């Protein structure tokens, strides 16, 4: 049977593992995915996060004004 001290030690070990191994490994994966992401995929993800309707045409130019429109719309929800 585990006692409270064993549980605390196990949790401490888990946190150290995450801090020193798992977290940095996931950061490297995340960074690589962002570097490898195409502009089209970035637009798709942005549209999904901003809840843009699927049939809404995505622009190929920067669309800064439109981006601000969607941010404002999302803010008011």
Protein backbone atom coordinates (compact mmCIF):
# COMPACT_ATOMS: atom_id res chain seq x y z
CA UNK A 1 0.00 0.00 0.00
CA UNK A 2 1.33 3.43 -0.95
CA UNK A 3 1.53 6.06 1.71
CA UNK A 4 1.26 9.81 1.26
CA UNK A 5 5.06 10.26 1.20
CA UNK A 6 5.34 7.73 -1.64
CA UNK A 7 2.60 9.52 -3.58
CA UNK A 8 4.31 12.88 -3.13
CA UNK A 9 7.65 11.45 -4.23
CA UNK A 10 6.04 9.85 -7.29
CA UNK A 11 4.41 13.17 -8.19
CA UNK A 12 7.73 14.99 -7.74
CA UNK A 13 9.44 12.51 -10.06
CA UNK A 14 6.67 12.93 -12.64
CA UNK A 15 7.03 16.73 -12.55
CA UNK A 16 10.81 16.48 -12.94
CA UNK A 17 10.43 14.07 -15.87
CA UNK A 18 7.98 16.44 -17.55
CA UNK A 19 10.17 19.47 -16.88
CA UNK A 20 13.44 17.90 -18.06
CA UNK A 21 12.42 15.39 -20.75
CA UNK A 22 8.81 15.36 -21.91
CA UNK A 23 8.20 19.11 -22.01
CA UNK A 24 11.32 19.97 -24.01
CA UNK A 25 10.67 17.07 -26.43
CA UNK A 26 7.13 18.29 -27.07
CA UNK A 27 8.41 21.86 -27.56
CA UNK A 28 10.83 20.62 -30.24
CA UNK A 29 8.00 18.74 -32.00
CA UNK A 30 5.76 21.81 -31.81
CA UNK A 31 8.48 24.09 -33.16
CA UNK A 32 9.18 21.70 -36.05
CA UNK A 33 5.47 21.46 -36.92
CA UNK A 34 5.18 25.25 -37.01
CA UNK A 35 8.27 25.59 -39.21
CA UNK A 36 6.99 22.93 -41.61
CA UNK A 37 3.43 24.30 -41.78
CA UNK A 38 2.32 25.66 -45.15
CA UNK A 39 0.65 29.05 -45.44
CA UNK A 40 -2.56 27.37 -46.61
CA UNK A 41 -2.62 25.13 -43.54
CA UNK A 42 -1.96 28.13 -41.27
CA UNK A 43 -4.93 29.93 -42.87
CA UNK A 44 -7.14 26.86 -42.35
CA UNK A 45 -6.19 26.61 -38.69
CA UNK A 46 -6.68 30.34 -38.16
CA UNK A 47 -10.14 30.17 -39.77
CA UNK A 48 -11.05 27.20 -37.58
CA UNK A 49 -9.89 28.97 -34.39
CA UNK A 50 -11.81 32.11 -35.32
CA UNK A 51 -14.93 30.08 -36.16
CA UNK A 52 -15.02 31.32 -39.76
CA UNK A 53 -17.77 29.58 -41.78
CA UNK A 54 -16.42 26.77 -43.98
CA UNK A 55 -17.88 28.26 -47.17
CA UNK A 56 -16.21 31.63 -46.52
CA UNK A 57 -13.51 32.23 -49.16
CA UNK A 58 -10.04 32.44 -47.64
CA UNK A 59 -7.88 35.21 -49.08
CA UNK A 60 -4.42 34.75 -50.46
CA UNK A 61 -3.25 38.25 -49.47
CA UNK A 62 -2.53 39.25 -45.87
CA UNK A 63 -6.15 40.15 -45.01
CA UNK A 64 -5.19 42.24 -41.99
CA UNK A 65 -8.42 44.25 -42.06
CA UNK A 66 -10.48 41.09 -42.34
CA UNK A 67 -8.49 39.49 -39.53
CA UNK A 68 -9.35 42.43 -37.27
CA UNK A 69 -13.03 42.02 -38.23
CA UNK A 70 -12.97 38.37 -37.12
CA UNK A 71 -11.09 39.18 -33.90
CA UNK A 72 -13.69 41.82 -33.09
CA UNK A 73 -16.53 39.40 -33.85
CA UNK A 74 -14.96 36.72 -31.63
CA UNK A 75 -14.40 39.24 -28.82
CA UNK A 76 -18.12 40.15 -28.73
CA UNK A 77 -19.27 36.53 -28.21
